[in-house]
Amino acid sequence: MVQALIEIGSTDFAQLLKAANDTYPNGSVPQDQDERYEILLAMPDSVDAVFSEIDDEFFALNEGDVLMKRLVSYWMVNKS
């Protein structure tokens, strides 16, 4: 997903996603939802502040649906 965000020109959002991913062991987020949840429960309380900061940055960056506009622009240019 990080690479996909970079590909559509959203490196700012990619950096946020990478920061969120980096909270997981080895920076690897399990695909299985139950496994992700178990890992989240085992994380120290301090990670809440990290996720809160990432959320705040995401919503500040996405004012005016910037991410959706970038995705639509990418799709319009690259559709077959």
PDB file of N, CA and C in Angstrom:
ATOM      1  N   MET A   1       0.814  -1.197   0.000  1.00  0.00           N
ATOM      2  CA  MET A   1       0.000   0.000   0.000  1.00  0.00           C
ATOM      3  C   MET A   1       0.856   1.259   0.000  1.00  0.00           C
ATOM      4  N   VAL A   2       1.979   1.221   0.700  1.00  0.00           N
ATOM      5  CA  VAL A   2       2.851   2.397   0.737  1.00  0.00           C
ATOM      6  C   VAL A   2       3.308   2.715  -0.682  1.00  0.00           C
ATOM      7  N   GLN A   3       3.731   1.689  -1.412  1.00  0.00           N
ATOM      8  CA  GLN A   3       4.205   1.897  -2.783  1.00  0.00           C
ATOM      9  C   GLN A   3       3.076   2.405  -3.680  1.00  0.00           C
ATOM     10  N   ALA A   4       1.874   1.923  -3.482  1.00  0.00           N
ATOM     11  CA  ALA A   4       0.733   2.381  -4.287  1.00  0.00           C
ATOM     12  C   ALA A   4       0.470   3.869  -4.045  1.00  0.00           C
ATOM     13  N   LEU A   5       0.578   4.309  -2.807  1.00  0.00           N
ATOM     14  CA  LEU A   5       0.390   5.727  -2.512  1.00  0.00           C
ATOM     15  C   LEU A   5       1.477   6.575  -3.174  1.00  0.00           C
ATOM     16  N   ILE A   6       2.694   6.077  -3.169  1.00  0.00           N
ATOM     17  CA  ILE A   6       3.786   6.792  -3.845  1.00  0.00           C
ATOM     18  C   ILE A   6       3.506   6.869  -5.339  1.00  0.00           C
ATOM     19  N   GLU A   7       3.024   5.781  -5.905  1.00  0.00           N
ATOM     20  CA  GLU A   7       2.755   5.732  -7.346  1.00  0.00           C
ATOM     21  C   GLU A   7       1.693   6.735  -7.779  1.00  0.00           C
ATOM     22  N   ILE A   8       0.724   7.013  -6.923  1.00  0.00           N
ATOM     23  CA  ILE A   8      -0.312   7.988  -7.306  1.00  0.00           C
ATOM     24  C   ILE A   8       0.076   9.413  -6.912  1.00  0.00           C
ATOM     25  N   GLY A   9       1.317   9.570  -6.442  1.00  0.00           N
ATOM     26  CA  GLY A   9       1.804  10.910  -6.116  1.00  0.00           C
ATOM     27  C   GLY A   9       1.458  11.375  -4.714  1.00  0.00           C
ATOM     28  N   SER A  10       1.217  10.429  -3.835  1.00  0.00           N
ATOM     29  CA  SER A  10       0.830  10.773  -2.463  1.00  0.00           C
ATOM     30  C   SER A  10       1.900  10.335  -1.470  1.00  0.00           C
ATOM     31  N   THR A  11       3.102  10.843  -1.666  1.00  0.00           N
ATOM     32  CA  THR A  11       4.196  10.455  -0.775  1.00  0.00           C
ATOM     33  C   THR A  11       3.939  10.901   0.664  1.00  0.00           C
ATOM     34  N   ASP A  12       3.216  11.990   0.824  1.00  0.00           N
ATOM     35  CA  ASP A  12       2.890  12.453   2.168  1.00  0.00           C
ATOM     36  C   ASP A  12       2.021  11.433   2.907  1.00  0.00           C
ATOM     37  N   PHE A  13       1.042  10.887   2.207  1.00  0.00           N
ATOM     38  CA  PHE A  13       0.190   9.865   2.806  1.00  0.00           C
ATOM     39  C   PHE A  13       0.964   8.557   2.980  1.00  0.00           C
ATOM     40  N   ALA A  14       1.854   8.257   2.046  1.00  0.00           N
ATOM     41  CA  ALA A  14       2.685   7.056   2.151  1.00  0.00           C
ATOM     42  C   ALA A  14       3.544   7.102   3.411  1.00  0.00           C
ATOM     43  N   GLN A  15       4.071   8.267   3.728  1.00  0.00           N
ATOM     44  CA  GLN A  15       4.886   8.408   4.932  1.00  0.00           C
ATOM     45  C   GLN A  15       4.058   8.154   6.188  1.00  0.00           C
ATOM     46  N   LEU A  16       2.817   8.610   6.180  1.00  0.00           N
ATOM     47  CA  LEU A  16       1.940   8.359   7.328  1.00  0.00           C
ATOM     48  C   LEU A  16       1.631   6.871   7.471  1.00  0.00           C
ATOM     49  N   LEU A  17       1.347   6.221   6.351  1.00  0.00           N
ATOM     50  CA  LEU A  17       1.054   4.796   6.397  1.00  0.00           C
ATOM     51  C   LEU A  17       2.275   4.013   6.866  1.00  0.00           C
ATOM     52  N   LYS A  18       3.449   4.389   6.389  1.00  0.00           N
ATOM     53  CA  LYS A  18       4.670   3.725   6.824  1.00  0.00           C
ATOM     54  C   LYS A  18       4.864   3.913   8.322  1.00  0.00           C
ATOM     55  N   ALA A  19       4.589   5.092   8.830  1.00  0.00           N
ATOM     56  CA  ALA A  19       4.711   5.343  10.269  1.00  0.00           C
ATOM     57  C   ALA A  19       3.759   4.437  11.055  1.00  0.00           C
ATOM     58  N   ALA A  20       2.551   4.265  10.549  1.00  0.00           N
ATOM     59  CA  ALA A  20       1.595   3.366  11.206  1.00  0.00           C
ATOM     60  C   ALA A  20       2.083   1.923  11.127  1.00  0.00           C
ATOM     61  N   ASN A  21       2.554   1.519   9.952  1.00  0.00           N
ATOM     62  CA  ASN A  21       3.067   0.154   9.781  1.00  0.00           C
ATOM     63  C   ASN A  21       4.247  -0.111  10.710  1.00  0.00           C
ATOM     64  N   ASP A  22       5.075   0.895  10.901  1.00  0.00           N
ATOM     65  CA  ASP A  22       6.272   0.740  11.717  1.00  0.00           C
ATOM     66  C   ASP A  22       5.979   0.486  13.189  1.00  0.00           C
ATOM     67  N   THR A  23       4.745   0.693  13.623  1.00  0.00           N
ATOM     68  CA  THR A  23       4.398   0.396  15.009  1.00  0.00           C
ATOM     69  C   THR A  23       4.275  -1.113  15.235  1.00  0.00           C
ATOM     70  N   TYR A  24       4.099  -1.870  14.152  1.00  0.00           N
ATOM     71  CA  TYR A  24       4.002  -3.322  14.241  1.00  0.00           C
ATOM     72  C   TYR A  24       5.392  -3.945  14.270  1.00  0.00           C
ATOM     73  N   PRO A  25       5.519  -5.118  14.875  1.00  0.00           N
ATOM     74  CA  PRO A  25       6.820  -5.788  14.900  1.00  0.00           C
ATOM     75  C   PRO A  25       7.378  -5.959  13.483  1.00  0.00           C
ATOM     76  N   ASN A  26       8.609  -5.580  13.306  1.00  0.00           N
ATOM     77  CA  ASN A  26       9.303  -5.648  12.013  1.00  0.00           C
ATOM     78  C   ASN A  26       8.626  -4.801  10.930  1.00  0.00           C
ATOM     79  N   GLY A  27       7.742  -3.891  11.319  1.00  0.00           N
ATOM     80  CA  GLY A  27       7.061  -3.037  10.353  1.00  0.00           C
ATOM     81  C   GLY A  27       6.112  -3.795   9.445  1.00  0.00           C
ATOM     82  N   SER A  28       5.727  -4.980   9.872  1.00  0.00           N
ATOM     83  CA  SER A  28       4.884  -5.851   9.055  1.00  0.00           C
ATOM     84  C   SER A  28       3.501  -5.996   9.687  1.00  0.00           C
ATOM     85  N   VAL A  29       2.482  -5.507   8.974  1.00  0.00           N
ATOM     86  CA  VAL A  29       1.108  -5.574   9.463  1.00  0.00           C
ATOM     87  C   VAL A  29       0.472  -6.862   8.940  1.00  0.00           C
ATOM     88  N   PRO A  30       0.027  -7.738   9.836  1.00  0.00           N
ATOM     89  CA  PRO A  30      -0.589  -8.986   9.381  1.00  0.00           C
ATOM     90  C   PRO A  30      -1.855  -8.735   8.566  1.00  0.00           C
ATOM     91  N   GLN A  31      -2.071  -9.555   7.573  1.00  0.00           N
ATOM     92  CA  GLN A  31      -3.290  -9.432   6.773  1.00  0.00           C
ATOM     93  C   GLN A  31      -4.516  -9.882   7.558  1.00  0.00           C
ATOM     94  N   ASP A  32      -4.339 -10.842   8.443  1.00  0.00           N
ATOM     95  CA  ASP A  32      -5.433 -11.379   9.225  1.00  0.00           C
ATOM     96  C   ASP A  32      -5.876 -10.369  10.290  1.00  0.00           C
ATOM     97  N   GLN A  33      -7.151 -10.020  10.272  1.00  0.00           N
ATOM     98  CA  GLN A  33      -7.679  -9.000  11.182  1.00  0.00           C
ATOM     99  C   GLN A  33      -7.542  -9.414  12.648  1.00  0.00           C
ATOM    100  N   ASP A  34      -7.807 -10.668  12.954  1.00  0.00           N
ATOM    101  CA  ASP A  34      -7.695 -11.121  14.342  1.00  0.00           C
ATOM    102  C   ASP A  34      -6.250 -11.021  14.830  1.00  0.00           C
ATOM    103  N   GLU A  35      -5.309 -11.382  13.975  1.00  0.00           N
ATOM    104  CA  GLU A  35      -3.896 -11.285  14.338  1.00  0.00           C
ATOM    105  C   GLU A  35      -3.483  -9.828  14.570  1.00  0.00           C
ATOM    106  N   ARG A  36      -3.955  -8.921  13.677  1.00  0.00           N
ATOM    107  CA  ARG A  36      -3.667  -7.488  13.861  1.00  0.00           C
ATOM    108  C   ARG A  36      -4.208  -7.004  15.198  1.00  0.00           C
ATOM    109  N   TYR A  37      -5.416  -7.412  15.509  1.00  0.00           N
ATOM    110  CA  TYR A  37      -6.059  -6.981  16.747  1.00  0.00           C
ATOM    111  C   TYR A  37      -5.285  -7.468  17.969  1.00  0.00           C
ATOM    112  N   GLU A  38      -4.855  -8.711  17.941  1.00  0.00           N
ATOM    113  CA  GLU A  38      -4.084  -9.264  19.057  1.00  0.00           C
ATOM    114  C   GLU A  38      -2.777  -8.494  19.259  1.00  0.00           C
ATOM    115  N   ILE A  39      -2.126  -8.147  18.165  1.00  0.00           N
ATOM    116  CA  ILE A  39      -0.880  -7.383  18.255  1.00  0.00           C
ATOM    117  C   ILE A  39      -1.161  -5.991  18.826  1.00  0.00           C
ATOM    118  N   LEU A  40      -2.234  -5.372  18.346  1.00  0.00           N
ATOM    119  CA  LEU A  40      -2.600  -4.045  18.864  1.00  0.00           C
ATOM    120  C   LEU A  40      -2.856  -4.086  20.369  1.00  0.00           C
ATOM    121  N   LEU A  41      -3.534  -5.119  20.819  1.00  0.00           N
ATOM    122  CA  LEU A  41      -3.822  -5.239  22.259  1.00  0.00           C
ATOM    123  C   LEU A  41      -2.547  -5.388  23.078  1.00  0.00           C
ATOM    124  N   ALA A  42      -1.537  -6.004  22.498  1.00  0.00           N
ATOM    125  CA  ALA A  42      -0.283  -6.242  23.214  1.00  0.00           C
ATOM    126  C   ALA A  42       0.662  -5.041  23.168  1.00  0.00           C
ATOM    127  N   MET A  43       0.357  -4.060  22.344  1.00  0.00           N
ATOM    128  CA  MET A  43       1.229  -2.888  22.222  1.00  0.00           C
ATOM    129  C   MET A  43       1.140  -2.020  23.474  1.00  0.00           C
ATOM    130  N   PRO A  44       2.226  -1.329  23.792  1.00  0.00           N
ATOM    131  CA  PRO A  44       2.184  -0.430  24.961  1.00  0.00           C
ATOM    132  C   PRO A  44       1.204   0.721  24.727  1.00  0.00           C
ATOM    133  N   ASP A  45       0.720   1.268  25.808  1.00  0.00           N
ATOM    134  CA  ASP A  45      -0.235   2.385  25.725  1.00  0.00           C
ATOM    135  C   ASP A  45       0.335   3.574  24.963  1.00  0.00           C
ATOM    136  N   SER A  46       1.644   3.707  24.957  1.00  0.00           N
ATOM    137  CA  SER A  46       2.274   4.847  24.283  1.00  0.00           C
ATOM    138  C   SER A  46       2.004   4.859  22.782  1.00  0.00           C
ATOM    139  N   VAL A  47       1.652   3.715  22.222  1.00  0.00           N
ATOM    140  CA  VAL A  47       1.377   3.664  20.787  1.00  0.00           C
ATOM    141  C   VAL A  47       0.093   4.428  20.442  1.00  0.00           C
ATOM    142  N   ASP A  48      -0.788   4.585  21.430  1.00  0.00           N
ATOM    143  CA  ASP A  48      -2.015   5.352  21.190  1.00  0.00           C
ATOM    144  C   ASP A  48      -1.694   6.777  20.754  1.00  0.00           C
ATOM    145  N   ALA A  49      -0.697   7.371  21.362  1.00  0.00           N
ATOM    146  CA  ALA A  49      -0.298   8.733  21.001  1.00  0.00           C
ATOM    147  C   ALA A  49       0.255   8.774  19.582  1.00  0.00           C
ATOM    148  N   VAL A  50       0.962   7.728  19.185  1.00  0.00           N
ATOM    149  CA  VAL A  50       1.507   7.658  17.820  1.00  0.00           C
ATOM    150  C   VAL A  50       0.359   7.602  16.818  1.00  0.00           C
ATOM    151  N   PHE A  51      -0.605   6.711  17.056  1.00  0.00           N
ATOM    152  CA  PHE A  51      -1.750   6.603  16.144  1.00  0.00           C
ATOM    153  C   PHE A  51      -2.579   7.879  16.129  1.00  0.00           C
ATOM    154  N   SER A  52      -2.720   8.514  17.257  1.00  0.00           N
ATOM    155  CA  SER A  52      -3.468   9.767  17.329  1.00  0.00           C
ATOM    156  C   SER A  52      -2.794  10.848  16.488  1.00  0.00           C
ATOM    157  N   GLU A  53      -1.478  10.931  16.587  1.00  0.00           N
ATOM    158  CA  GLU A  53      -0.741  11.919  15.796  1.00  0.00           C
ATOM    159  C   GLU A  53      -0.863  11.617  14.295  1.00  0.00           C
ATOM    160  N   ILE A  54      -0.784  10.347  13.930  1.00  0.00           N
ATOM    161  CA  ILE A  54      -0.930   9.953  12.531  1.00  0.00           C
ATOM    162  C   ILE A  54      -2.330  10.321  12.033  1.00  0.00           C
ATOM    163  N   ASP A  55      -3.346  10.040  12.843  1.00  0.00           N
ATOM    164  CA  ASP A  55      -4.723  10.409  12.480  1.00  0.00           C
ATOM    165  C   ASP A  55      -4.848  11.906  12.241  1.00  0.00           C
ATOM    166  N   ASP A  56      -4.308  12.684  13.175  1.00  0.00           N
ATOM    167  CA  ASP A  56      -4.392  14.140  13.046  1.00  0.00           C
ATOM    168  C   ASP A  56      -3.713  14.619  11.765  1.00  0.00           C
ATOM    169  N   GLU A  57      -2.539  14.075  11.481  1.00  0.00           N
ATOM    170  CA  GLU A  57      -1.819  14.465  10.269  1.00  0.00           C
ATOM    171  C   GLU A  57      -2.582  14.047   9.013  1.00  0.00           C
ATOM    172  N   PHE A  58      -3.170  12.847   9.051  1.00  0.00           N
ATOM    173  CA  PHE A  58      -3.944  12.379   7.899  1.00  0.00           C
ATOM    174  C   PHE A  58      -5.096  13.337   7.597  1.00  0.00           C
ATOM    175  N   PHE A  59      -5.875  13.669   8.605  1.00  0.00           N
ATOM    176  CA  PHE A  59      -7.035  14.528   8.364  1.00  0.00           C
ATOM    177  C   PHE A  59      -6.626  15.941   7.956  1.00  0.00           C
ATOM    178  N   ALA A  60      -5.505  16.414   8.464  1.00  0.00           N
ATOM    179  CA  ALA A  60      -5.001  17.727   8.045  1.00  0.00           C
ATOM    180  C   ALA A  60      -4.562  17.683   6.582  1.00  0.00           C
ATOM    181  N   LEU A  61      -3.885  16.606   6.188  1.00  0.00           N
ATOM    182  CA  LEU A  61      -3.443  16.470   4.795  1.00  0.00           C
ATOM    183  C   LEU A  61      -4.608  16.260   3.836  1.00  0.00           C
ATOM    184  N   ASN A  62      -5.642  15.591   4.319  1.00  0.00           N
ATOM    185  CA  ASN A  62      -6.732  15.183   3.430  1.00  0.00           C
ATOM    186  C   ASN A  62      -7.874  16.189   3.359  1.00  0.00           C
ATOM    187  N   GLU A  63      -7.625  17.394   3.824  1.00  0.00           N
ATOM    188  CA  GLU A  63      -8.659  18.425   3.732  1.00  0.00           C
ATOM    189  C   GLU A  63      -9.049  18.601   2.266  1.00  0.00           C
ATOM    190  N   GLY A  64     -10.328  18.566   1.996  1.00  0.00           N
ATOM    191  CA  GLY A  64     -10.811  18.691   0.624  1.00  0.00           C
ATOM    192  C   GLY A  64     -10.681  17.401  -0.168  1.00  0.00           C
ATOM    193  N   ASP A  65     -10.573  16.275   0.532  1.00  0.00           N
ATOM    194  CA  ASP A  65     -10.471  14.954  -0.115  1.00  0.00           C
ATOM    195  C   ASP A  65      -9.308  14.856  -1.094  1.00  0.00           C
ATOM    196  N   VAL A  66      -8.161  15.387  -0.703  1.00  0.00           N
ATOM    197  CA  VAL A  66      -6.964  15.391  -1.544  1.00  0.00           C
ATOM    198  C   VAL A  66      -6.611  13.983  -2.019  1.00  0.00           C
ATOM    199  N   LEU A  67      -6.653  13.015  -1.110  1.00  0.00           N
ATOM    200  CA  LEU A  67      -6.258  11.657  -1.480  1.00  0.00           C
ATOM    201  C   LEU A  67      -7.179  11.093  -2.556  1.00  0.00           C
ATOM    202  N   MET A  68      -8.468  11.273  -2.403  1.00  0.00           N
ATOM    203  CA  MET A  68      -9.413  10.774  -3.410  1.00  0.00           C
ATOM    204  C   MET A  68      -9.193  11.467  -4.748  1.00  0.00           C
ATOM    205  N   LYS A  69      -8.928  12.753  -4.730  1.00  0.00           N
ATOM    206  CA  LYS A  69      -8.680  13.483  -5.973  1.00  0.00           C
ATOM    207  C   LYS A  69      -7.428  12.974  -6.673  1.00  0.00           C
ATOM    208  N   ARG A  70      -6.379  12.671  -5.897  1.00  0.00           N
ATOM    209  CA  ARG A  70      -5.158  12.121  -6.489  1.00  0.00           C
ATOM    210  C   ARG A  70      -5.419  10.745  -7.080  1.00  0.00           C
ATOM    211  N   LEU A  71      -6.201   9.946  -6.389  1.00  0.00           N
ATOM    212  CA  LEU A  71      -6.525   8.611  -6.876  1.00  0.00           C
ATOM    213  C   LEU A  71      -7.326   8.682  -8.174  1.00  0.00           C
ATOM    214  N   VAL A  72      -8.310   9.544  -8.219  1.00  0.00           N
ATOM    215  CA  VAL A  72      -9.113   9.699  -9.438  1.00  0.00           C
ATOM    216  C   VAL A  72      -8.256  10.229 -10.581  1.00  0.00           C
ATOM    217  N   SER A  73      -7.393  11.186 -10.307  1.00  0.00           N
ATOM    218  CA  SER A  73      -6.503  11.715 -11.350  1.00  0.00           C
ATOM    219  C   SER A  73      -5.602  10.618 -11.894  1.00  0.00           C
ATOM    220  N   TYR A  74      -5.045   9.818 -10.994  1.00  0.00           N
ATOM    221  CA  TYR A  74      -4.173   8.716 -11.426  1.00  0.00           C
ATOM    222  C   TYR A  74      -4.961   7.746 -12.291  1.00  0.00           C
ATOM    223  N   TRP A  75      -6.162   7.412 -11.861  1.00  0.00           N
ATOM    224  CA  TRP A  75      -6.988   6.477 -12.603  1.00  0.00           C
ATOM    225  C   TRP A  75      -7.337   7.032 -13.990  1.00  0.00           C
ATOM    226  N   MET A  76      -7.687   8.303 -14.055  1.00  0.00           N
ATOM    227  CA  MET A  76      -8.046   8.912 -15.353  1.00  0.00           C
ATOM    228  C   MET A  76      -6.888   8.872 -16.334  1.00  0.00           C
ATOM    229  N   VAL A  77      -5.673   9.101 -15.854  1.00  0.00           N
ATOM    230  CA  VAL A  77      -4.493   9.111 -16.719  1.00  0.00           C
ATOM    231  C   VAL A  77      -4.110   7.680 -17.123  1.00  0.00           C
ATOM    232  N   ASN A  78      -4.338   6.710 -16.252  1.00  0.00           N
ATOM    233  CA  ASN A  78      -3.816   5.360 -16.479  1.00  0.00           C
ATOM    234  C   ASN A  78      -4.862   4.323 -16.844  1.00  0.00           C
ATOM    235  N   LYS A  79      -6.101   4.712 -17.025  1.00  0.00           N
ATOM    236  CA  LYS A  79      -7.117   3.714 -17.375  1.00  0.00           C
ATOM    237  C   LYS A  79      -6.890   3.216 -18.796  1.00  0.00           C
ATOM    238  N   SER A  80      -7.288   2.016 -19.028  1.00  0.00           N
ATOM    239  CA  SER A  80      -7.067   1.414 -20.358  1.00  0.00           C
ATOM    240  C   SER A  80      -8.324   1.441 -21.189  1.00  0.00           C
TER     241      SER A  80
END
